[in-house]
Each structure stands twice: as C-alpha cells, then as structure tokens.
Amino acid sequence: MLIIYMPYHTKKKNSPKKNAPKSKSNNKKRALKKEEIELFKTHSKHHSKKHIDYMKKFIMDGKGCFSEAHKAANKAVGK
C-alpha cells in the first residue's frame, strides 16, 4: 500500500504554532504610572504591605501589568 502525504498534512520541525502565545519579554523596567499609583491606594485597603510591595516591584521590573502582578503576588505572598 502506497501512502502519499499531501504538503499541507505534514508538520515542519521547529515551525512556530499559529496561535502560540507571544512572549512577554517586551516589558522593560519602568516607573509606576499615575493610574497605577491611584489603583494601589484603593488596593492597599484590602491587601498587606508585603503584597503591595511585591506588586510594585513586579511592575517596576517590567514583568507584567497590574493584574499579572496581583496574580503573582497572591501566589507568592498571599493576601
């Protein structure tokens, strides 16, 4: 039995996936924005100083945005 593979059925090695998530290495170290500072004022009422400090460092190191920092702080420090 002879099997012929059509070109669109074969996989190329080392080819990037179409819907692969983009890396977040584009972020650079930066200062906090005015909006973030305002968010921290209300956010600090519900969370510990360790949590807030972890989030600020996370954002300033360029690792992600406010919501990503919050998720990481919850995992690392807790509420």
PDB file of N, CA and C in Angstrom:
ATOM      1  N   MET A   1       0.837  -1.169   0.000  1.00  0.00           N
ATOM      2  CA  MET A   1       0.000   0.000   0.000  1.00  0.00           C
ATOM      3  C   MET A   1       0.894   1.248   0.000  1.00  0.00           C
ATOM      4  N   LEU A   2       0.647   2.161  -0.887  1.00  0.00           N
ATOM      5  CA  LEU A   2       1.427   3.372  -1.036  1.00  0.00           C
ATOM      6  C   LEU A   2       0.675   4.545  -0.414  1.00  0.00           C
ATOM      7  N   ILE A   3       1.335   5.225   0.537  1.00  0.00           N
ATOM      8  CA  ILE A   3       0.720   6.388   1.192  1.00  0.00           C
ATOM      9  C   ILE A   3       1.440   7.633   0.698  1.00  0.00           C
ATOM     10  N   ILE A   4       0.673   8.557   0.189  1.00  0.00           N
ATOM     11  CA  ILE A   4       1.224   9.818  -0.291  1.00  0.00           C
ATOM     12  C   ILE A   4       0.743  10.916   0.651  1.00  0.00           C
ATOM     13  N   TYR A   5       1.695  11.647   1.222  1.00  0.00           N
ATOM     14  CA  TYR A   5       1.349  12.734   2.126  1.00  0.00           C
ATOM     15  C   TYR A   5       1.249  14.025   1.338  1.00  0.00           C
ATOM     16  N   MET A   6       0.148  14.703   1.570  1.00  0.00           N
ATOM     17  CA  MET A   6      -0.050  15.995   0.938  1.00  0.00           C
ATOM     18  C   MET A   6       0.760  17.033   1.717  1.00  0.00           C
ATOM     19  N   PRO A   7       1.267  18.057   1.054  1.00  0.00           N
ATOM     20  CA  PRO A   7       2.128  19.031   1.730  1.00  0.00           C
ATOM     21  C   PRO A   7       1.460  19.712   2.922  1.00  0.00           C
ATOM     22  N   TYR A   8       0.162  19.916   2.880  1.00  0.00           N
ATOM     23  CA  TYR A   8      -0.493  20.607   3.981  1.00  0.00           C
ATOM     24  C   TYR A   8      -0.772  19.673   5.148  1.00  0.00           C
ATOM     25  N   HIS A   9      -0.476  18.405   5.020  1.00  0.00           N
ATOM     26  CA  HIS A   9      -0.683  17.458   6.111  1.00  0.00           C
ATOM     27  C   HIS A   9       0.603  17.179   6.878  1.00  0.00           C
ATOM     28  N   THR A  10       1.695  17.623   6.370  1.00  0.00           N
ATOM     29  CA  THR A  10       2.962  17.337   7.039  1.00  0.00           C
ATOM     30  C   THR A  10       3.302  18.464   7.999  1.00  0.00           C
ATOM     31  N   LYS A  11       4.010  18.115   9.052  1.00  0.00           N
ATOM     32  CA  LYS A  11       4.435  19.117  10.016  1.00  0.00           C
ATOM     33  C   LYS A  11       5.886  19.469   9.760  1.00  0.00           C
ATOM     34  N   LYS A  12       6.169  20.735   9.846  1.00  0.00           N
ATOM     35  CA  LYS A  12       7.540  21.175   9.706  1.00  0.00           C
ATOM     36  C   LYS A  12       8.149  21.242  11.093  1.00  0.00           C
ATOM     37  N   LYS A  13       9.368  20.773  11.224  1.00  0.00           N
ATOM     38  CA  LYS A  13      10.039  20.846  12.501  1.00  0.00           C
ATOM     39  C   LYS A  13      10.421  22.287  12.798  1.00  0.00           C
ATOM     40  N   ASN A  14      10.308  22.637  14.061  1.00  0.00           N
ATOM     41  CA  ASN A  14      10.686  23.964  14.550  1.00  0.00           C
ATOM     42  C   ASN A  14       9.858  25.101  13.956  1.00  0.00           C
ATOM     43  N   SER A  15       8.674  24.807  13.472  1.00  0.00           N
ATOM     44  CA  SER A  15       7.834  25.882  12.966  1.00  0.00           C
ATOM     45  C   SER A  15       6.968  26.404  14.105  1.00  0.00           C
ATOM     46  N   PRO A  16       6.827  27.727  14.234  1.00  0.00           N
ATOM     47  CA  PRO A  16       6.016  28.273  15.330  1.00  0.00           C
ATOM     48  C   PRO A  16       4.543  27.971  15.106  1.00  0.00           C
ATOM     49  N   LYS A  17       3.833  27.749  16.190  1.00  0.00           N
ATOM     50  CA  LYS A  17       2.400  27.493  16.084  1.00  0.00           C
ATOM     51  C   LYS A  17       1.691  28.793  15.766  1.00  0.00           C
ATOM     52  N   LYS A  18       0.571  28.678  15.069  1.00  0.00           N
ATOM     53  CA  LYS A  18      -0.146  29.878  14.652  1.00  0.00           C
ATOM     54  C   LYS A  18      -0.706  30.649  15.839  1.00  0.00           C
ATOM     55  N   ASN A  19      -1.264  29.947  16.811  1.00  0.00           N
ATOM     56  CA  ASN A  19      -1.909  30.605  17.935  1.00  0.00           C
ATOM     57  C   ASN A  19      -1.058  30.538  19.199  1.00  0.00           C
ATOM     58  N   ALA A  20       0.224  30.432  19.051  1.00  0.00           N
ATOM     59  CA  ALA A  20       1.112  30.356  20.209  1.00  0.00           C
ATOM     60  C   ALA A  20       1.129  31.707  20.922  1.00  0.00           C
ATOM     61  N   PRO A  21       1.113  31.691  22.260  1.00  0.00           N
ATOM     62  CA  PRO A  21       1.139  32.969  22.982  1.00  0.00           C
ATOM     63  C   PRO A  21       2.466  33.682  22.779  1.00  0.00           C
ATOM     64  N   LYS A  22       2.386  34.982  22.681  1.00  0.00           N
ATOM     65  CA  LYS A  22       3.593  35.778  22.476  1.00  0.00           C
ATOM     66  C   LYS A  22       4.320  35.921  23.806  1.00  0.00           C
ATOM     67  N   SER A  23       5.623  35.964  23.735  1.00  0.00           N
ATOM     68  CA  SER A  23       6.389  36.117  24.967  1.00  0.00           C
ATOM     69  C   SER A  23       6.239  37.543  25.473  1.00  0.00           C
ATOM     70  N   LYS A  24       6.318  37.686  26.776  1.00  0.00           N
ATOM     71  CA  LYS A  24       6.136  38.998  27.380  1.00  0.00           C
ATOM     72  C   LYS A  24       7.466  39.615  27.754  1.00  0.00           C
ATOM     73  N   SER A  25       8.478  39.320  26.989  1.00  0.00           N
ATOM     74  CA  SER A  25       9.798  39.849  27.280  1.00  0.00           C
ATOM     75  C   SER A  25       9.959  41.283  26.750  1.00  0.00           C
ATOM     76  N   ASN A  26       8.897  41.837  26.155  1.00  0.00           N
ATOM     77  CA  ASN A  26       8.963  43.189  25.615  1.00  0.00           C
ATOM     78  C   ASN A  26       8.979  44.237  26.727  1.00  0.00           C
ATOM     79  N   ASN A  27       8.512  43.846  27.926  1.00  0.00           N
ATOM     80  CA  ASN A  27       8.428  44.796  29.018  1.00  0.00           C
ATOM     81  C   ASN A  27       9.816  45.174  29.509  1.00  0.00           C
ATOM     82  N   LYS A  28       9.968  46.446  29.845  1.00  0.00           N
ATOM     83  CA  LYS A  28      11.237  46.951  30.345  1.00  0.00           C
ATOM     84  C   LYS A  28      11.013  47.539  31.728  1.00  0.00           C
ATOM     85  N   LYS A  29      12.100  47.744  32.460  1.00  0.00           N
ATOM     86  CA  LYS A  29      11.996  48.374  33.768  1.00  0.00           C
ATOM     87  C   LYS A  29      11.463  49.778  33.579  1.00  0.00           C
ATOM     88  N   ARG A  30      10.546  50.156  34.477  1.00  0.00           N
ATOM     89  CA  ARG A  30       9.928  51.477  34.354  1.00  0.00           C
ATOM     90  C   ARG A  30       9.367  51.915  35.697  1.00  0.00           C
ATOM     91  N   ALA A  31       8.985  53.165  35.774  1.00  0.00           N
ATOM     92  CA  ALA A  31       8.361  53.705  36.976  1.00  0.00           C
ATOM     93  C   ALA A  31       6.861  53.426  36.922  1.00  0.00           C
ATOM     94  N   LEU A  32       6.210  53.564  38.071  1.00  0.00           N
ATOM     95  CA  LEU A  32       4.760  53.369  38.113  1.00  0.00           C
ATOM     96  C   LEU A  32       4.050  54.550  37.461  1.00  0.00           C
ATOM     97  N   LYS A  33       2.943  54.257  36.789  1.00  0.00           N
ATOM     98  CA  LYS A  33       2.143  55.306  36.162  1.00  0.00           C
ATOM     99  C   LYS A  33       1.203  55.909  37.201  1.00  0.00           C
ATOM    100  N   LYS A  34       0.653  57.089  36.890  1.00  0.00           N
ATOM    101  CA  LYS A  34      -0.277  57.753  37.813  1.00  0.00           C
ATOM    102  C   LYS A  34      -1.501  56.871  38.085  1.00  0.00           C
ATOM    103  N   GLU A  35      -2.004  56.221  37.059  1.00  0.00           N
ATOM    104  CA  GLU A  35      -3.176  55.362  37.209  1.00  0.00           C
ATOM    105  C   GLU A  35      -2.888  54.209  38.166  1.00  0.00           C
ATOM    106  N   GLU A  36      -1.695  53.645  38.061  1.00  0.00           N
ATOM    107  CA  GLU A  36      -1.313  52.531  38.924  1.00  0.00           C
ATOM    108  C   GLU A  36      -1.172  52.982  40.376  1.00  0.00           C
ATOM    109  N   ILE A  37      -0.623  54.157  40.573  1.00  0.00           N
ATOM    110  CA  ILE A  37      -0.486  54.692  41.925  1.00  0.00           C
ATOM    111  C   ILE A  37      -1.866  54.880  42.559  1.00  0.00           C
ATOM    112  N   GLU A  38      -2.819  55.389  41.770  1.00  0.00           N
ATOM    113  CA  GLU A  38      -4.187  55.548  42.265  1.00  0.00           C
ATOM    114  C   GLU A  38      -4.821  54.190  42.576  1.00  0.00           C
ATOM    115  N   LEU A  39      -4.566  53.204  41.725  1.00  0.00           N
ATOM    116  CA  LEU A  39      -5.089  51.860  41.981  1.00  0.00           C
ATOM    117  C   LEU A  39      -4.515  51.272  43.259  1.00  0.00           C
ATOM    118  N   PHE A  40      -3.242  51.523  43.514  1.00  0.00           N
ATOM    119  CA  PHE A  40      -2.609  50.993  44.716  1.00  0.00           C
ATOM    120  C   PHE A  40      -3.218  51.596  45.988  1.00  0.00           C
ATOM    121  N   LYS A  41      -3.684  52.842  45.917  1.00  0.00           N
ATOM    122  CA  LYS A  41      -4.290  53.468  47.094  1.00  0.00           C
ATOM    123  C   LYS A  41      -5.536  52.704  47.531  1.00  0.00           C
ATOM    124  N   THR A  42      -6.366  52.312  46.578  1.00  0.00           N
ATOM    125  CA  THR A  42      -7.573  51.557  46.934  1.00  0.00           C
ATOM    126  C   THR A  42      -7.241  50.080  47.168  1.00  0.00           C
ATOM    127  N   HIS A  43      -6.283  49.578  46.440  1.00  0.00           N
ATOM    128  CA  HIS A  43      -5.906  48.163  46.528  1.00  0.00           C
ATOM    129  C   HIS A  43      -5.276  47.847  47.884  1.00  0.00           C
ATOM    130  N   SER A  44      -4.559  48.826  48.447  1.00  0.00           N
ATOM    131  CA  SER A  44      -3.848  48.590  49.705  1.00  0.00           C
ATOM    132  C   SER A  44      -4.792  48.459  50.894  1.00  0.00           C
ATOM    133  N   LYS A  45      -6.037  48.885  50.746  1.00  0.00           N
ATOM    134  CA  LYS A  45      -7.015  48.733  51.834  1.00  0.00           C
ATOM    135  C   LYS A  45      -7.372  47.267  52.052  1.00  0.00           C
ATOM    136  N   HIS A  46      -7.241  46.453  51.006  1.00  0.00           N
ATOM    137  CA  HIS A  46      -7.658  45.054  51.070  1.00  0.00           C
ATOM    138  C   HIS A  46      -6.498  44.072  51.161  1.00  0.00           C
ATOM    139  N   HIS A  47      -5.267  44.574  51.045  1.00  0.00           N
ATOM    140  CA  HIS A  47      -4.105  43.685  50.985  1.00  0.00           C
ATOM    141  C   HIS A  47      -2.982  44.176  51.901  1.00  0.00           C
ATOM    142  N   SER A  48      -2.079  43.247  52.243  1.00  0.00           N
ATOM    143  CA  SER A  48      -0.967  43.550  53.146  1.00  0.00           C
ATOM    144  C   SER A  48       0.109  44.393  52.453  1.00  0.00           C
ATOM    145  N   LYS A  49       0.983  44.955  53.277  1.00  0.00           N
ATOM    146  CA  LYS A  49       2.091  45.749  52.734  1.00  0.00           C
ATOM    147  C   LYS A  49       3.016  44.876  51.895  1.00  0.00           C
ATOM    148  N   LYS A  50       3.240  43.625  52.314  1.00  0.00           N
ATOM    149  CA  LYS A  50       4.096  42.704  51.539  1.00  0.00           C
ATOM    150  C   LYS A  50       3.517  42.482  50.152  1.00  0.00           C
ATOM    151  N   HIS A  51       2.194  42.307  50.095  1.00  0.00           N
ATOM    152  CA  HIS A  51       1.501  42.084  48.823  1.00  0.00           C
ATOM    153  C   HIS A  51       1.694  43.294  47.905  1.00  0.00           C
ATOM    154  N   ILE A  52       1.484  44.479  48.442  1.00  0.00           N
ATOM    155  CA  ILE A  52       1.604  45.707  47.649  1.00  0.00           C
ATOM    156  C   ILE A  52       3.042  45.909  47.183  1.00  0.00           C
ATOM    157  N   ASP A  53       4.006  45.710  48.092  1.00  0.00           N
ATOM    158  CA  ASP A  53       5.416  45.880  47.722  1.00  0.00           C
ATOM    159  C   ASP A  53       5.829  44.894  46.633  1.00  0.00           C
ATOM    160  N   TYR A  54       5.344  43.660  46.741  1.00  0.00           N
ATOM    161  CA  TYR A  54       5.652  42.645  45.728  1.00  0.00           C
ATOM    162  C   TYR A  54       5.090  43.080  44.375  1.00  0.00           C
ATOM    163  N   MET A  55       3.862  43.591  44.373  1.00  0.00           N
ATOM    164  CA  MET A  55       3.239  44.037  43.120  1.00  0.00           C
ATOM    165  C   MET A  55       4.019  45.201  42.505  1.00  0.00           C
ATOM    166  N   LYS A  56       4.415  46.167  43.331  1.00  0.00           N
ATOM    167  CA  LYS A  56       5.150  47.326  42.818  1.00  0.00           C
ATOM    168  C   LYS A  56       6.474  46.900  42.198  1.00  0.00           C
ATOM    169  N   LYS A  57       7.201  46.017  42.875  1.00  0.00           N
ATOM    170  CA  LYS A  57       8.472  45.532  42.358  1.00  0.00           C
ATOM    171  C   LYS A  57       8.262  44.759  41.056  1.00  0.00           C
ATOM    172  N   PHE A  58       7.214  43.952  41.007  1.00  0.00           N
ATOM    173  CA  PHE A  58       6.879  43.159  39.819  1.00  0.00           C
ATOM    174  C   PHE A  58       6.662  44.074  38.617  1.00  0.00           C
ATOM    175  N   ILE A  59       5.897  45.137  38.819  1.00  0.00           N
ATOM    176  CA  ILE A  59       5.591  46.069  37.724  1.00  0.00           C
ATOM    177  C   ILE A  59       6.833  46.869  37.321  1.00  0.00           C
ATOM    178  N   MET A  60       7.568  47.357  38.314  1.00  0.00           N
ATOM    179  CA  MET A  60       8.737  48.185  38.004  1.00  0.00           C
ATOM    180  C   MET A  60       9.863  47.385  37.354  1.00  0.00           C
ATOM    181  N   ASP A  61       9.918  46.077  37.614  1.00  0.00           N
ATOM    182  CA  ASP A  61      10.915  45.227  36.963  1.00  0.00           C
ATOM    183  C   ASP A  61      10.523  44.873  35.536  1.00  0.00           C
ATOM    184  N   GLY A  62       9.312  45.265  35.128  1.00  0.00           N
ATOM    185  CA  GLY A  62       8.872  45.014  33.761  1.00  0.00           C
ATOM    186  C   GLY A  62       8.396  43.602  33.525  1.00  0.00           C
ATOM    187  N   LYS A  63       7.907  42.948  34.565  1.00  0.00           N
ATOM    188  CA  LYS A  63       7.459  41.562  34.409  1.00  0.00           C
ATOM    189  C   LYS A  63       6.007  41.464  33.962  1.00  0.00           C
ATOM    190  N   GLY A  64       5.246  42.531  34.091  1.00  0.00           N
ATOM    191  CA  GLY A  64       3.853  42.476  33.659  1.00  0.00           C
ATOM    192  C   GLY A  64       3.063  43.686  34.113  1.00  0.00           C
ATOM    193  N   CYS A  65       1.752  43.596  33.899  1.00  0.00           N
ATOM    194  CA  CYS A  65       0.859  44.699  34.223  1.00  0.00           C
ATOM    195  C   CYS A  65       0.281  44.512  35.634  1.00  0.00           C
ATOM    196  N   PHE A  66      -0.662  45.358  36.000  1.00  0.00           N
ATOM    197  CA  PHE A  66      -1.234  45.359  37.346  1.00  0.00           C
ATOM    198  C   PHE A  66      -1.910  44.029  37.672  1.00  0.00           C
ATOM    199  N   SER A  67      -2.725  43.525  36.776  1.00  0.00           N
ATOM    200  CA  SER A  67      -3.438  42.276  37.061  1.00  0.00           C
ATOM    201  C   SER A  67      -2.490  41.081  37.129  1.00  0.00           C
ATOM    202  N   GLU A  68      -1.470  41.068  36.291  1.00  0.00           N
ATOM    203  CA  GLU A  68      -0.478  39.985  36.346  1.00  0.00           C
ATOM    204  C   GLU A  68       0.313  40.060  37.653  1.00  0.00           C
ATOM    205  N   ALA A  69       0.619  41.289  38.086  1.00  0.00           N
ATOM    206  CA  ALA A  69       1.333  41.479  39.346  1.00  0.00           C
ATOM    207  C   ALA A  69       0.483  40.999  40.512  1.00  0.00           C
ATOM    208  N   HIS A  70      -0.815  41.255  40.444  1.00  0.00           N
ATOM    209  CA  HIS A  70      -1.730  40.832  41.513  1.00  0.00           C
ATOM    210  C   HIS A  70      -1.783  39.307  41.615  1.00  0.00           C
ATOM    211  N   LYS A  71      -1.880  38.643  40.483  1.00  0.00           N
ATOM    212  CA  LYS A  71      -1.910  37.180  40.481  1.00  0.00           C
ATOM    213  C   LYS A  71      -0.611  36.607  41.040  1.00  0.00           C
ATOM    214  N   ALA A  72       0.514  37.187  40.634  1.00  0.00           N
ATOM    215  CA  ALA A  72       1.813  36.699  41.094  1.00  0.00           C
ATOM    216  C   ALA A  72       1.976  36.960  42.595  1.00  0.00           C
ATOM    217  N   ALA A  73       1.505  38.106  43.078  1.00  0.00           N
ATOM    218  CA  ALA A  73       1.606  38.439  44.496  1.00  0.00           C
ATOM    219  C   ALA A  73       0.747  37.497  45.332  1.00  0.00           C
ATOM    220  N   ASN A  74      -0.428  37.154  44.827  1.00  0.00           N
ATOM    221  CA  ASN A  74      -1.286  36.219  45.553  1.00  0.00           C
ATOM    222  C   ASN A  74      -0.612  34.867  45.694  1.00  0.00           C
ATOM    223  N   LYS A  75       0.054  34.415  44.637  1.00  0.00           N
ATOM    224  CA  LYS A  75       0.747  33.130  44.697  1.00  0.00           C
ATOM    225  C   LYS A  75       1.946  33.183  45.629  1.00  0.00           C
ATOM    226  N   ALA A  76       2.738  34.251  45.540  1.00  0.00           N
ATOM    227  CA  ALA A  76       3.994  34.338  46.280  1.00  0.00           C
ATOM    228  C   ALA A  76       3.801  34.736  47.738  1.00  0.00           C
ATOM    229  N   VAL A  77       2.998  35.735  47.990  1.00  0.00           N
ATOM    230  CA  VAL A  77       2.878  36.309  49.324  1.00  0.00           C
ATOM    231  C   VAL A  77       1.549  35.982  49.987  1.00  0.00           C
ATOM    232  N   GLY A  78       0.504  35.956  49.203  1.00  0.00           N
ATOM    233  CA  GLY A  78      -0.849  35.801  49.759  1.00  0.00           C
ATOM    234  C   GLY A  78      -1.508  37.159  49.852  1.00  0.00           C
ATOM    235  N   LYS A  79      -2.630  37.204  50.535  1.00  0.00           N
ATOM    236  CA  LYS A  79      -3.397  38.429  50.600  1.00  0.00           C
ATOM    237  C   LYS A  79      -2.771  39.368  51.595  1.00  0.00           C
TER     238      LYS A  79
END
